[in-house]
Amino acid sequence: MEAPFSGRATSDAPHVVDDPRQAALLVDDDALRFFRPFLARDATVKDAAEEVGVSLDRMLYRVRTFVDAGLLRVVRERPRAGRPIKVYRSSHDAYFVPYAATPFASLQEVLRERFGDTARRIADALAAHEAAHPSGWDGYRLYRTPDGETWVVGSDAEVRDVDAVDAFATLRLRQEDAHALRDALADLLTTYARRSHDTDPDEGAASYLLQFALVPGGEDEPA
């Protein structure tokens, strides 16, 4: 029985993207979600659809877009009664997208677009989750804890027994503490990203959105 995915990542130099259409797709978070199952490994439309958690028709539309843009290629076909099943793979195993090739004029524009899009998706998902699983998130509470910390939260911790959470904080940290927090977050992300990759879609796992950033200058007002 053939494994759903095969292939391995490469350590070769990445392909430098100079095609504006390819660049626009590779820096678009939504498009990238559909492209990831094919990056540096073989997959059918069905394999990819199950990994992403979408219908075959929706994934097939994306695959056709990627093929037309030159980002995907057919590596082989699996024989079966009727039409054979096409197996796809990214045209290159790694990519580098220069900012000059993207629709954005600067790194700041790229980050604002990507962070903004993710923030909107998180806001929509949180609102939908709260509507389906009310947790007492009926407003925002501002208070100071006995140890002097101030917090703004969406509901009391005692009634917040759900599988969704959002958080934003400005921290005053020594550099070594900031680096320790950065490394701890990166290690956690790596651990759970591997679990996500190894989780069978048939196990009933749900998709979760995660976004975090730790950058100096948290007290500065946004431009």
N, C-alpha and C. Protein backbone atom coordinates (compact mmCIF):
# COMPACT_ATOMS: atom_id res chain seq x y z
N MET A 1 0.85 -1.19 0.00
CA MET A 1 0.00 0.00 0.00
C MET A 1 0.89 1.24 0.00
N GLU A 2 0.62 2.16 -0.90
CA GLU A 2 1.46 3.34 -1.03
C GLU A 2 1.12 4.36 0.04
N ALA A 3 2.14 4.96 0.63
CA ALA A 3 1.91 5.98 1.65
C ALA A 3 1.24 7.19 1.02
N PRO A 4 0.38 7.92 1.79
CA PRO A 4 -0.30 9.09 1.23
C PRO A 4 0.68 10.13 0.71
N PHE A 5 1.80 10.30 1.39
CA PHE A 5 2.78 11.28 0.98
C PHE A 5 4.14 10.59 0.88
N SER A 6 4.95 11.05 -0.03
CA SER A 6 6.32 10.56 -0.11
C SER A 6 7.22 11.70 -0.53
N GLY A 7 8.51 11.49 -0.38
CA GLY A 7 9.46 12.54 -0.72
C GLY A 7 10.11 13.08 0.52
N ARG A 8 11.16 13.86 0.35
CA ARG A 8 11.84 14.44 1.49
C ARG A 8 12.22 15.87 1.17
N ALA A 9 12.41 16.64 2.21
CA ALA A 9 12.83 18.02 2.01
C ALA A 9 14.27 18.04 1.50
N THR A 10 14.63 19.11 0.85
CA THR A 10 15.97 19.21 0.31
C THR A 10 16.73 20.33 1.00
N SER A 11 18.04 20.19 1.05
CA SER A 11 18.87 21.24 1.61
C SER A 11 19.50 22.09 0.52
N ASP A 12 19.10 21.83 -0.76
CA ASP A 12 19.64 22.60 -1.87
C ASP A 12 19.18 24.05 -1.78
N ALA A 13 19.86 24.91 -2.51
CA ALA A 13 19.50 26.33 -2.52
C ALA A 13 18.07 26.48 -3.03
N PRO A 14 17.29 27.36 -2.43
CA PRO A 14 15.91 27.53 -2.87
C PRO A 14 15.82 28.18 -4.25
N HIS A 15 14.72 27.91 -4.92
CA HIS A 15 14.45 28.55 -6.21
C HIS A 15 14.05 30.00 -5.96
N VAL A 16 14.69 30.92 -6.64
CA VAL A 16 14.38 32.35 -6.50
C VAL A 16 13.20 32.67 -7.42
N VAL A 17 12.12 33.15 -6.84
CA VAL A 17 10.90 33.43 -7.58
C VAL A 17 10.98 34.83 -8.19
N ASP A 18 10.83 34.89 -9.51
CA ASP A 18 10.79 36.20 -10.17
C ASP A 18 9.49 36.42 -10.93
N ASP A 19 8.60 35.44 -10.86
CA ASP A 19 7.30 35.55 -11.52
C ASP A 19 6.30 36.19 -10.55
N PRO A 20 5.72 37.34 -10.90
CA PRO A 20 4.80 38.03 -9.98
C PRO A 20 3.60 37.19 -9.56
N ARG A 21 3.09 36.35 -10.46
CA ARG A 21 1.93 35.53 -10.11
C ARG A 21 2.31 34.49 -9.07
N GLN A 22 3.46 33.85 -9.26
CA GLN A 22 3.92 32.87 -8.28
C GLN A 22 4.19 33.55 -6.94
N ALA A 23 4.84 34.71 -6.99
CA ALA A 23 5.15 35.42 -5.75
C ALA A 23 3.89 35.79 -4.99
N ALA A 24 2.87 36.26 -5.70
CA ALA A 24 1.62 36.65 -5.05
C ALA A 24 0.97 35.46 -4.35
N LEU A 25 1.03 34.28 -4.97
CA LEU A 25 0.45 33.08 -4.37
C LEU A 25 1.24 32.63 -3.15
N LEU A 26 2.57 32.70 -3.24
CA LEU A 26 3.41 32.17 -2.16
C LEU A 26 3.45 33.06 -0.93
N VAL A 27 3.03 34.31 -1.05
CA VAL A 27 2.99 35.18 0.14
C VAL A 27 1.55 35.39 0.62
N ASP A 28 0.61 34.69 0.00
CA ASP A 28 -0.79 34.77 0.41
C ASP A 28 -1.08 33.62 1.37
N ASP A 29 -1.45 33.94 2.60
CA ASP A 29 -1.63 32.90 3.63
C ASP A 29 -2.68 31.87 3.22
N ASP A 30 -3.77 32.32 2.61
CA ASP A 30 -4.83 31.38 2.25
C ASP A 30 -4.36 30.44 1.15
N ALA A 31 -3.71 30.99 0.12
CA ALA A 31 -3.19 30.15 -0.96
C ALA A 31 -2.11 29.20 -0.44
N LEU A 32 -1.27 29.70 0.46
CA LEU A 32 -0.19 28.88 0.99
C LEU A 32 -0.71 27.68 1.77
N ARG A 33 -1.85 27.85 2.41
CA ARG A 33 -2.46 26.74 3.16
C ARG A 33 -2.75 25.56 2.23
N PHE A 34 -3.16 25.85 1.00
CA PHE A 34 -3.47 24.80 0.04
C PHE A 34 -2.21 24.27 -0.65
N PHE A 35 -1.15 25.07 -0.66
CA PHE A 35 0.09 24.67 -1.33
C PHE A 35 0.98 23.79 -0.45
N ARG A 36 0.90 23.97 0.86
CA ARG A 36 1.80 23.27 1.78
C ARG A 36 1.82 21.75 1.61
N PRO A 37 0.68 21.08 1.41
CA PRO A 37 0.72 19.62 1.29
C PRO A 37 1.60 19.11 0.15
N PHE A 38 1.89 19.95 -0.84
CA PHE A 38 2.65 19.53 -2.01
C PHE A 38 4.11 19.97 -1.95
N LEU A 39 4.47 20.76 -0.96
CA LEU A 39 5.83 21.31 -0.92
C LEU A 39 6.84 20.23 -0.59
N ALA A 40 7.73 19.93 -1.54
CA ALA A 40 8.82 18.98 -1.37
C ALA A 40 8.34 17.56 -1.05
N ARG A 41 7.11 17.22 -1.46
CA ARG A 41 6.62 15.85 -1.30
C ARG A 41 5.49 15.60 -2.28
N ASP A 42 5.20 14.33 -2.53
CA ASP A 42 4.18 13.94 -3.50
C ASP A 42 2.83 13.83 -2.80
N ALA A 43 1.77 14.24 -3.49
CA ALA A 43 0.43 14.13 -2.92
C ALA A 43 -0.60 14.19 -4.02
N THR A 44 -1.71 13.49 -3.81
CA THR A 44 -2.85 13.60 -4.72
C THR A 44 -3.76 14.72 -4.22
N VAL A 45 -4.72 15.08 -5.04
CA VAL A 45 -5.69 16.10 -4.64
C VAL A 45 -6.44 15.63 -3.39
N LYS A 46 -6.78 14.35 -3.35
CA LYS A 46 -7.50 13.81 -2.19
C LYS A 46 -6.65 13.87 -0.93
N ASP A 47 -5.36 13.49 -1.05
CA ASP A 47 -4.45 13.56 0.10
C ASP A 47 -4.43 14.98 0.67
N ALA A 48 -4.23 15.95 -0.23
CA ALA A 48 -4.10 17.34 0.19
C ALA A 48 -5.41 17.87 0.78
N ALA A 49 -6.53 17.50 0.17
CA ALA A 49 -7.83 17.96 0.67
C ALA A 49 -8.08 17.45 2.08
N GLU A 50 -7.71 16.21 2.34
CA GLU A 50 -7.89 15.65 3.69
C GLU A 50 -6.99 16.35 4.70
N GLU A 51 -5.76 16.66 4.30
CA GLU A 51 -4.85 17.34 5.22
C GLU A 51 -5.34 18.74 5.56
N VAL A 52 -5.81 19.46 4.56
CA VAL A 52 -6.26 20.84 4.78
C VAL A 52 -7.66 20.88 5.39
N GLY A 53 -8.44 19.83 5.14
CA GLY A 53 -9.79 19.78 5.68
C GLY A 53 -10.81 20.50 4.82
N VAL A 54 -10.67 20.35 3.48
CA VAL A 54 -11.59 20.99 2.55
C VAL A 54 -12.12 19.94 1.57
N SER A 55 -13.08 20.35 0.76
CA SER A 55 -13.67 19.43 -0.21
C SER A 55 -12.70 19.18 -1.37
N LEU A 56 -12.94 18.09 -2.09
CA LEU A 56 -12.11 17.78 -3.25
C LEU A 56 -12.20 18.88 -4.31
N ASP A 57 -13.41 19.39 -4.52
CA ASP A 57 -13.60 20.42 -5.54
C ASP A 57 -12.82 21.69 -5.19
N ARG A 58 -12.82 22.05 -3.91
CA ARG A 58 -12.11 23.26 -3.51
C ARG A 58 -10.61 23.09 -3.68
N MET A 59 -10.10 21.92 -3.31
CA MET A 59 -8.68 21.67 -3.47
C MET A 59 -8.31 21.57 -4.95
N LEU A 60 -9.15 20.94 -5.75
CA LEU A 60 -8.87 20.80 -7.17
C LEU A 60 -8.77 22.17 -7.85
N TYR A 61 -9.62 23.10 -7.45
CA TYR A 61 -9.55 24.45 -8.00
C TYR A 61 -8.19 25.08 -7.71
N ARG A 62 -7.72 24.91 -6.47
CA ARG A 62 -6.42 25.46 -6.09
C ARG A 62 -5.29 24.78 -6.84
N VAL A 63 -5.37 23.47 -6.98
CA VAL A 63 -4.33 22.72 -7.69
C VAL A 63 -4.22 23.22 -9.12
N ARG A 64 -5.34 23.42 -9.78
CA ARG A 64 -5.31 23.92 -11.15
C ARG A 64 -4.66 25.30 -11.21
N THR A 65 -4.94 26.13 -10.20
CA THR A 65 -4.32 27.46 -10.15
C THR A 65 -2.81 27.35 -10.00
N PHE A 66 -2.37 26.46 -9.12
CA PHE A 66 -0.93 26.28 -8.90
C PHE A 66 -0.25 25.71 -10.15
N VAL A 67 -0.91 24.76 -10.82
CA VAL A 67 -0.34 24.19 -12.04
C VAL A 67 -0.22 25.26 -13.12
N ASP A 68 -1.27 26.05 -13.28
CA ASP A 68 -1.26 27.11 -14.29
C ASP A 68 -0.15 28.13 -14.00
N ALA A 69 0.13 28.35 -12.71
CA ALA A 69 1.16 29.32 -12.33
C ALA A 69 2.56 28.72 -12.38
N GLY A 70 2.66 27.41 -12.61
CA GLY A 70 3.97 26.76 -12.67
C GLY A 70 4.52 26.37 -11.32
N LEU A 71 3.68 26.35 -10.29
CA LEU A 71 4.14 25.99 -8.95
C LEU A 71 4.01 24.49 -8.66
N LEU A 72 3.14 23.81 -9.38
CA LEU A 72 2.94 22.37 -9.20
C LEU A 72 3.17 21.66 -10.52
N ARG A 73 3.60 20.40 -10.42
CA ARG A 73 3.76 19.55 -11.60
C ARG A 73 3.26 18.15 -11.27
N VAL A 74 2.85 17.44 -12.30
CA VAL A 74 2.45 16.03 -12.14
C VAL A 74 3.71 15.18 -12.20
N VAL A 75 3.96 14.41 -11.14
CA VAL A 75 5.18 13.59 -11.09
C VAL A 75 4.94 12.16 -11.55
N ARG A 76 3.71 11.70 -11.44
CA ARG A 76 3.37 10.37 -11.93
C ARG A 76 1.85 10.21 -11.88
N GLU A 77 1.38 9.10 -12.37
CA GLU A 77 -0.05 8.80 -12.33
C GLU A 77 -0.25 7.39 -11.78
N ARG A 78 -1.22 7.25 -10.89
CA ARG A 78 -1.56 5.94 -10.34
C ARG A 78 -2.63 5.31 -11.21
N PRO A 79 -2.36 4.14 -11.77
CA PRO A 79 -3.37 3.50 -12.61
C PRO A 79 -4.55 3.02 -11.78
N ARG A 80 -5.70 3.08 -12.38
CA ARG A 80 -6.94 2.57 -11.77
C ARG A 80 -7.95 2.41 -12.89
N ALA A 81 -9.08 1.78 -12.59
CA ALA A 81 -10.14 1.67 -13.59
C ALA A 81 -10.64 3.07 -13.92
N GLY A 82 -10.67 3.38 -15.19
CA GLY A 82 -11.06 4.72 -15.58
C GLY A 82 -9.84 5.62 -15.69
N ARG A 83 -10.00 6.87 -15.36
CA ARG A 83 -8.90 7.82 -15.48
C ARG A 83 -7.90 7.62 -14.34
N PRO A 84 -6.60 7.66 -14.64
CA PRO A 84 -5.59 7.49 -13.58
C PRO A 84 -5.61 8.68 -12.62
N ILE A 85 -5.09 8.43 -11.41
CA ILE A 85 -5.02 9.48 -10.39
C ILE A 85 -3.68 10.20 -10.52
N LYS A 86 -3.73 11.50 -10.66
CA LYS A 86 -2.51 12.30 -10.79
C LYS A 86 -1.89 12.55 -9.42
N VAL A 87 -0.59 12.43 -9.37
CA VAL A 87 0.17 12.72 -8.15
C VAL A 87 1.00 13.98 -8.43
N TYR A 88 0.86 14.96 -7.55
CA TYR A 88 1.50 16.26 -7.77
C TYR A 88 2.64 16.49 -6.77
N ARG A 89 3.49 17.43 -7.12
CA ARG A 89 4.57 17.86 -6.24
C ARG A 89 4.94 19.29 -6.64
N SER A 90 5.43 20.05 -5.68
CA SER A 90 5.87 21.40 -6.00
C SER A 90 6.97 21.34 -7.06
N SER A 91 7.00 22.34 -7.93
CA SER A 91 8.00 22.36 -9.00
C SER A 91 9.41 22.48 -8.45
N HIS A 92 9.55 23.07 -7.28
CA HIS A 92 10.83 23.15 -6.58
C HIS A 92 10.58 22.77 -5.13
N ASP A 93 11.62 22.27 -4.46
CA ASP A 93 11.46 21.83 -3.08
C ASP A 93 11.59 22.96 -2.07
N ALA A 94 12.09 24.10 -2.50
CA ALA A 94 12.20 25.26 -1.61
C ALA A 94 12.17 26.52 -2.47
N TYR A 95 11.65 27.59 -1.88
CA TYR A 95 11.49 28.84 -2.63
C TYR A 95 12.01 30.02 -1.83
N PHE A 96 12.52 31.00 -2.54
CA PHE A 96 12.84 32.30 -1.95
C PHE A 96 12.09 33.35 -2.75
N VAL A 97 11.27 34.13 -2.07
CA VAL A 97 10.45 35.16 -2.73
C VAL A 97 10.99 36.53 -2.36
N PRO A 98 11.72 37.19 -3.25
CA PRO A 98 12.20 38.55 -2.95
C PRO A 98 11.01 39.51 -2.80
N TYR A 99 11.15 40.47 -1.91
CA TYR A 99 10.06 41.43 -1.74
C TYR A 99 9.76 42.16 -3.05
N ALA A 100 10.79 42.35 -3.88
CA ALA A 100 10.60 43.07 -5.14
C ALA A 100 9.65 42.34 -6.08
N ALA A 101 9.51 41.01 -5.90
CA ALA A 101 8.65 40.22 -6.78
C ALA A 101 7.21 40.18 -6.28
N THR A 102 6.98 40.60 -5.05
CA THR A 102 5.64 40.54 -4.46
C THR A 102 4.83 41.78 -4.84
N PRO A 103 3.52 41.75 -4.57
CA PRO A 103 2.69 42.93 -4.85
C PRO A 103 2.93 44.07 -3.86
N PHE A 104 3.83 43.87 -2.89
CA PHE A 104 4.03 44.85 -1.83
C PHE A 104 5.28 45.68 -2.08
N ALA A 105 5.24 46.93 -1.63
CA ALA A 105 6.35 47.85 -1.86
C ALA A 105 7.46 47.72 -0.83
N SER A 106 7.15 47.14 0.33
CA SER A 106 8.14 47.07 1.40
C SER A 106 7.83 45.91 2.32
N LEU A 107 8.80 45.58 3.17
CA LEU A 107 8.59 44.55 4.18
C LEU A 107 7.45 44.93 5.11
N GLN A 108 7.35 46.20 5.46
CA GLN A 108 6.28 46.65 6.34
C GLN A 108 4.91 46.34 5.74
N GLU A 109 4.76 46.57 4.44
CA GLU A 109 3.48 46.28 3.78
C GLU A 109 3.18 44.78 3.81
N VAL A 110 4.21 43.97 3.58
CA VAL A 110 4.02 42.52 3.62
C VAL A 110 3.52 42.09 5.00
N LEU A 111 4.21 42.55 6.04
CA LEU A 111 3.85 42.13 7.39
C LEU A 111 2.48 42.65 7.80
N ARG A 112 2.16 43.88 7.44
CA ARG A 112 0.85 44.42 7.79
C ARG A 112 -0.27 43.63 7.13
N GLU A 113 -0.05 43.26 5.88
CA GLU A 113 -1.06 42.48 5.17
C GLU A 113 -1.21 41.09 5.79
N ARG A 114 -0.09 40.43 6.05
CA ARG A 114 -0.16 39.06 6.56
C ARG A 114 -0.67 39.02 7.98
N PHE A 115 -0.18 39.92 8.85
CA PHE A 115 -0.67 39.95 10.22
C PHE A 115 -2.13 40.36 10.26
N GLY A 116 -2.49 41.33 9.41
CA GLY A 116 -3.88 41.79 9.39
C GLY A 116 -4.82 40.70 8.96
N ASP A 117 -4.44 39.95 7.93
CA ASP A 117 -5.29 38.87 7.44
C ASP A 117 -5.45 37.79 8.50
N THR A 118 -4.34 37.43 9.17
CA THR A 118 -4.43 36.42 10.22
C THR A 118 -5.27 36.91 11.39
N ALA A 119 -5.10 38.19 11.75
CA ALA A 119 -5.89 38.75 12.86
C ALA A 119 -7.38 38.71 12.54
N ARG A 120 -7.75 39.01 11.30
CA ARG A 120 -9.16 38.95 10.92
C ARG A 120 -9.70 37.52 11.00
N ARG A 121 -8.88 36.56 10.54
CA ARG A 121 -9.32 35.16 10.61
C ARG A 121 -9.50 34.71 12.06
N ILE A 122 -8.57 35.13 12.93
CA ILE A 122 -8.68 34.77 14.34
C ILE A 122 -9.91 35.41 14.96
N ALA A 123 -10.16 36.67 14.65
CA ALA A 123 -11.34 37.36 15.20
C ALA A 123 -12.62 36.66 14.77
N ASP A 124 -12.71 36.30 13.49
CA ASP A 124 -13.91 35.61 13.00
C ASP A 124 -14.07 34.26 13.67
N ALA A 125 -12.93 33.52 13.83
CA ALA A 125 -13.00 32.19 14.44
C ALA A 125 -13.38 32.28 15.91
N LEU A 126 -12.83 33.25 16.64
CA LEU A 126 -13.16 33.42 18.05
C LEU A 126 -14.64 33.75 18.22
N ALA A 127 -15.15 34.65 17.38
CA ALA A 127 -16.56 35.03 17.48
C ALA A 127 -17.46 33.84 17.18
N ALA A 128 -17.11 33.06 16.15
CA ALA A 128 -17.92 31.89 15.81
C ALA A 128 -17.86 30.84 16.91
N HIS A 129 -16.68 30.64 17.50
CA HIS A 129 -16.54 29.66 18.57
C HIS A 129 -17.34 30.09 19.80
N GLU A 130 -17.29 31.37 20.12
CA GLU A 130 -18.02 31.86 21.29
C GLU A 130 -19.53 31.73 21.10
N ALA A 131 -19.98 31.96 19.86
CA ALA A 131 -21.40 31.83 19.57
C ALA A 131 -21.86 30.39 19.73
N ALA A 132 -21.00 29.45 19.32
CA ALA A 132 -21.36 28.03 19.39
C ALA A 132 -21.14 27.44 20.78
N HIS A 133 -20.17 27.99 21.53
CA HIS A 133 -19.83 27.46 22.86
C HIS A 133 -19.69 28.63 23.84
N PRO A 134 -20.79 29.22 24.28
CA PRO A 134 -20.72 30.39 25.17
C PRO A 134 -19.90 30.10 26.42
N SER A 135 -19.01 31.03 26.74
CA SER A 135 -18.12 30.82 27.88
C SER A 135 -18.21 31.95 28.90
N GLY A 136 -19.19 32.81 28.75
CA GLY A 136 -19.27 33.96 29.64
C GLY A 136 -18.52 35.16 29.10
N TRP A 137 -18.15 35.14 27.83
CA TRP A 137 -17.44 36.26 27.21
C TRP A 137 -18.46 37.32 26.81
N ASP A 138 -18.97 38.02 27.80
CA ASP A 138 -20.02 39.00 27.57
C ASP A 138 -19.50 40.43 27.58
N GLY A 139 -18.21 40.61 27.70
CA GLY A 139 -17.61 41.93 27.73
C GLY A 139 -16.16 41.82 28.18
N TYR A 140 -15.51 42.95 28.36
CA TYR A 140 -14.11 42.95 28.77
C TYR A 140 -13.97 43.44 30.20
N ARG A 141 -13.14 42.79 30.96
CA ARG A 141 -12.92 43.12 32.36
C ARG A 141 -11.50 43.63 32.55
N LEU A 142 -11.38 44.79 33.18
CA LEU A 142 -10.09 45.40 33.48
C LEU A 142 -9.90 45.35 34.99
N TYR A 143 -8.78 44.78 35.44
CA TYR A 143 -8.57 44.68 36.88
C TYR A 143 -7.08 44.53 37.18
N ARG A 144 -6.75 44.72 38.46
CA ARG A 144 -5.38 44.54 38.93
C ARG A 144 -5.34 43.34 39.87
N THR A 145 -4.38 42.47 39.68
CA THR A 145 -4.25 41.29 40.51
C THR A 145 -3.55 41.65 41.82
N PRO A 146 -3.63 40.78 42.83
CA PRO A 146 -2.98 41.07 44.11
C PRO A 146 -1.47 41.33 44.00
N ASP A 147 -0.83 40.77 42.97
CA ASP A 147 0.61 41.00 42.82
C ASP A 147 0.93 42.26 42.01
N GLY A 148 -0.11 43.04 41.67
CA GLY A 148 0.10 44.32 41.03
C GLY A 148 -0.03 44.35 39.53
N GLU A 149 -0.26 43.20 38.90
CA GLU A 149 -0.40 43.16 37.44
C GLU A 149 -1.79 43.61 37.03
N THR A 150 -1.87 44.31 35.89
CA THR A 150 -3.18 44.69 35.35
C THR A 150 -3.49 43.82 34.14
N TRP A 151 -4.75 43.45 34.00
CA TRP A 151 -5.17 42.56 32.93
C TRP A 151 -6.47 43.06 32.30
N VAL A 152 -6.61 42.81 31.01
CA VAL A 152 -7.88 43.00 30.32
C VAL A 152 -8.24 41.66 29.72
N VAL A 153 -9.35 41.08 30.16
CA VAL A 153 -9.74 39.75 29.70
C VAL A 153 -11.18 39.77 29.23
N GLY A 154 -11.51 38.77 28.42
CA GLY A 154 -12.84 38.69 27.84
C GLY A 154 -13.86 38.03 28.75
N SER A 155 -13.40 37.22 29.69
CA SER A 155 -14.32 36.57 30.63
C SER A 155 -13.54 36.13 31.84
N ASP A 156 -14.25 35.84 32.92
CA ASP A 156 -13.59 35.39 34.13
C ASP A 156 -12.92 34.04 33.89
N ALA A 157 -11.75 33.87 34.48
CA ALA A 157 -11.01 32.62 34.28
C ALA A 157 -11.81 31.42 34.76
N GLU A 158 -12.64 31.63 35.80
CA GLU A 158 -13.37 30.50 36.37
C GLU A 158 -14.39 29.92 35.40
N VAL A 159 -14.91 30.76 34.49
CA VAL A 159 -15.93 30.25 33.57
C VAL A 159 -15.35 30.01 32.18
N ARG A 160 -14.07 30.26 32.03
CA ARG A 160 -13.45 30.13 30.70
C ARG A 160 -12.90 28.71 30.54
N ASP A 161 -13.78 27.76 30.30
CA ASP A 161 -13.37 26.38 30.16
C ASP A 161 -13.67 25.93 28.72
N VAL A 162 -12.98 26.56 27.76
CA VAL A 162 -13.19 26.25 26.36
C VAL A 162 -11.84 26.05 25.69
N ASP A 163 -11.86 25.60 24.44
CA ASP A 163 -10.60 25.31 23.76
C ASP A 163 -10.16 26.45 22.84
N ALA A 164 -10.48 27.68 23.21
CA ALA A 164 -10.04 28.84 22.44
C ALA A 164 -9.60 29.94 23.40
N VAL A 165 -8.56 30.66 23.04
CA VAL A 165 -8.08 31.74 23.89
C VAL A 165 -7.36 32.75 23.02
N ASP A 166 -7.45 34.02 23.40
CA ASP A 166 -6.63 35.02 22.73
C ASP A 166 -5.94 35.84 23.81
N ALA A 167 -4.79 36.37 23.48
CA ALA A 167 -4.03 37.10 24.48
C ALA A 167 -3.16 38.14 23.80
N PHE A 168 -2.97 39.26 24.49
CA PHE A 168 -2.07 40.31 24.03
C PHE A 168 -1.47 40.95 25.27
N ALA A 169 -0.19 41.11 25.27
CA ALA A 169 0.46 41.68 26.45
C ALA A 169 1.71 42.44 26.05
N THR A 170 1.99 43.53 26.75
CA THR A 170 3.26 44.23 26.63
C THR A 170 4.08 43.88 27.85
N LEU A 171 5.23 43.26 27.64
CA LEU A 171 6.05 42.77 28.74
C LEU A 171 7.33 43.60 28.86
N ARG A 172 7.75 43.85 30.09
CA ARG A 172 9.04 44.49 30.31
C ARG A 172 10.00 43.41 30.79
N LEU A 173 10.95 43.04 29.93
CA LEU A 173 11.81 41.89 30.20
C LEU A 173 13.28 42.26 29.99
N ARG A 174 14.13 41.62 30.78
CA ARG A 174 15.56 41.68 30.48
C ARG A 174 15.80 40.90 29.19
N GLN A 175 16.88 41.23 28.48
CA GLN A 175 17.12 40.59 27.19
C GLN A 175 17.22 39.08 27.32
N GLU A 176 17.88 38.60 28.39
CA GLU A 176 18.02 37.15 28.54
C GLU A 176 16.66 36.48 28.77
N ASP A 177 15.75 37.18 29.47
CA ASP A 177 14.42 36.63 29.68
C ASP A 177 13.61 36.64 28.39
N ALA A 178 13.77 37.71 27.60
CA ALA A 178 13.07 37.78 26.32
C ALA A 178 13.54 36.66 25.39
N HIS A 179 14.85 36.40 25.40
CA HIS A 179 15.39 35.33 24.56
C HIS A 179 14.91 33.96 25.05
N ALA A 180 14.81 33.80 26.36
CA ALA A 180 14.32 32.53 26.91
C ALA A 180 12.86 32.31 26.52
N LEU A 181 12.06 33.37 26.60
CA LEU A 181 10.66 33.26 26.20
C LEU A 181 10.55 32.96 24.71
N ARG A 182 11.35 33.65 23.90
CA ARG A 182 11.36 33.40 22.46
C ARG A 182 11.67 31.94 22.17
N ASP A 183 12.71 31.40 22.83
CA ASP A 183 13.11 30.02 22.58
C ASP A 183 12.05 29.04 23.05
N ALA A 184 11.42 29.34 24.19
CA ALA A 184 10.38 28.45 24.71
C ALA A 184 9.18 28.41 23.76
N LEU A 185 8.78 29.57 23.25
CA LEU A 185 7.67 29.61 22.30
C LEU A 185 8.01 28.86 21.02
N ALA A 186 9.25 29.05 20.54
CA ALA A 186 9.67 28.36 19.32
C ALA A 186 9.70 26.85 19.52
N ASP A 187 10.16 26.41 20.70
CA ASP A 187 10.20 24.97 20.99
C ASP A 187 8.79 24.39 21.06
N LEU A 188 7.87 25.11 21.69
CA LEU A 188 6.48 24.65 21.77
C LEU A 188 5.87 24.55 20.38
N LEU A 189 6.11 25.57 19.57
CA LEU A 189 5.56 25.56 18.22
C LEU A 189 6.10 24.37 17.43
N THR A 190 7.41 24.11 17.54
CA THR A 190 8.01 22.98 16.83
C THR A 190 7.39 21.66 17.28
N THR A 191 7.21 21.51 18.61
CA THR A 191 6.64 20.28 19.15
C THR A 191 5.25 20.02 18.61
N TYR A 192 4.40 21.05 18.66
CA TYR A 192 3.01 20.85 18.26
C TYR A 192 2.84 20.86 16.74
N ALA A 193 3.76 21.51 16.03
CA ALA A 193 3.73 21.43 14.57
C ALA A 193 4.01 20.01 14.12
N ARG A 194 4.94 19.33 14.80
CA ARG A 194 5.23 17.93 14.47
C ARG A 194 4.03 17.04 14.79
N ARG A 195 3.37 17.31 15.92
CA ARG A 195 2.18 16.53 16.25
C ARG A 195 1.09 16.76 15.20
N SER A 196 0.96 18.01 14.76
CA SER A 196 -0.03 18.33 13.74
C SER A 196 0.25 17.56 12.46
N HIS A 197 1.52 17.51 12.09
CA HIS A 197 1.90 16.81 10.86
C HIS A 197 1.62 15.32 10.97
N ASP A 198 1.79 14.74 12.17
CA ASP A 198 1.64 13.30 12.36
C ASP A 198 0.20 12.88 12.68
N THR A 199 -0.70 13.86 12.86
CA THR A 199 -2.07 13.54 13.22
C THR A 199 -2.86 13.12 12.00
N ASP A 200 -3.48 11.96 12.09
CA ASP A 200 -4.30 11.45 11.00
C ASP A 200 -5.61 12.25 10.96
N PRO A 201 -6.01 12.75 9.77
CA PRO A 201 -7.27 13.49 9.67
C PRO A 201 -8.47 12.71 10.17
N ASP A 202 -8.40 11.37 10.11
CA ASP A 202 -9.52 10.54 10.55
C ASP A 202 -9.63 10.45 12.06
N GLU A 203 -8.64 11.01 12.79
CA GLU A 203 -8.69 10.95 14.25
C GLU A 203 -9.62 12.00 14.85
N GLY A 204 -10.25 12.79 14.02
CA GLY A 204 -11.20 13.78 14.52
C GLY A 204 -10.54 15.05 15.03
N ALA A 205 -9.30 15.31 14.63
CA ALA A 205 -8.62 16.51 15.09
C ALA A 205 -9.20 17.74 14.39
N ALA A 206 -9.27 18.84 15.12
CA ALA A 206 -9.78 20.10 14.57
C ALA A 206 -8.61 20.99 14.16
N SER A 207 -8.87 21.94 13.29
CA SER A 207 -7.86 22.91 12.88
C SER A 207 -7.87 24.09 13.86
N TYR A 208 -6.69 24.55 14.23
CA TYR A 208 -6.57 25.69 15.15
C TYR A 208 -5.68 26.76 14.52
N LEU A 209 -6.06 28.00 14.72
CA LEU A 209 -5.25 29.13 14.28
C LEU A 209 -4.34 29.56 15.42
N LEU A 210 -3.07 29.80 15.11
CA LEU A 210 -2.12 30.26 16.12
C LEU A 210 -1.32 31.41 15.54
N GLN A 211 -1.20 32.48 16.32
CA GLN A 211 -0.34 33.60 15.93
C GLN A 211 0.35 34.14 17.16
N PHE A 212 1.66 34.31 17.11
CA PHE A 212 2.35 34.99 18.20
C PHE A 212 3.55 35.74 17.64
N ALA A 213 3.92 36.78 18.32
CA ALA A 213 5.08 37.57 17.94
C ALA A 213 5.69 38.14 19.20
N LEU A 214 7.00 38.17 19.24
CA LEU A 214 7.72 38.77 20.36
C LEU A 214 8.77 39.70 19.75
N VAL A 215 8.53 41.00 19.84
CA VAL A 215 9.43 41.97 19.20
C VAL A 215 9.73 43.10 20.17
N PRO A 216 10.93 43.68 20.10
CA PRO A 216 11.23 44.85 20.93
C PRO A 216 10.36 46.03 20.54
N GLY A 217 10.21 46.97 21.47
CA GLY A 217 9.46 48.18 21.15
C GLY A 217 7.98 48.07 21.34
N GLY A 218 7.52 47.16 22.21
CA GLY A 218 6.10 46.94 22.40
C GLY A 218 5.35 48.14 22.93
N GLU A 219 6.05 49.12 23.54
CA GLU A 219 5.35 50.27 24.09
C GLU A 219 5.13 51.38 23.07
N ASP A 220 5.75 51.24 21.89
CA ASP A 220 5.59 52.26 20.87
C ASP A 220 4.18 52.22 20.30
N GLU A 221 3.65 53.38 20.00
CA GLU A 221 2.35 53.43 19.36
C GLU A 221 2.49 53.07 17.89
N PRO A 222 1.52 52.32 17.34
CA PRO A 222 1.60 51.97 15.93
C PRO A 222 1.52 53.21 15.05
N ALA A 223 2.21 53.14 13.90
CA ALA A 223 2.19 54.28 12.99
C ALA A 223 0.85 54.41 12.30
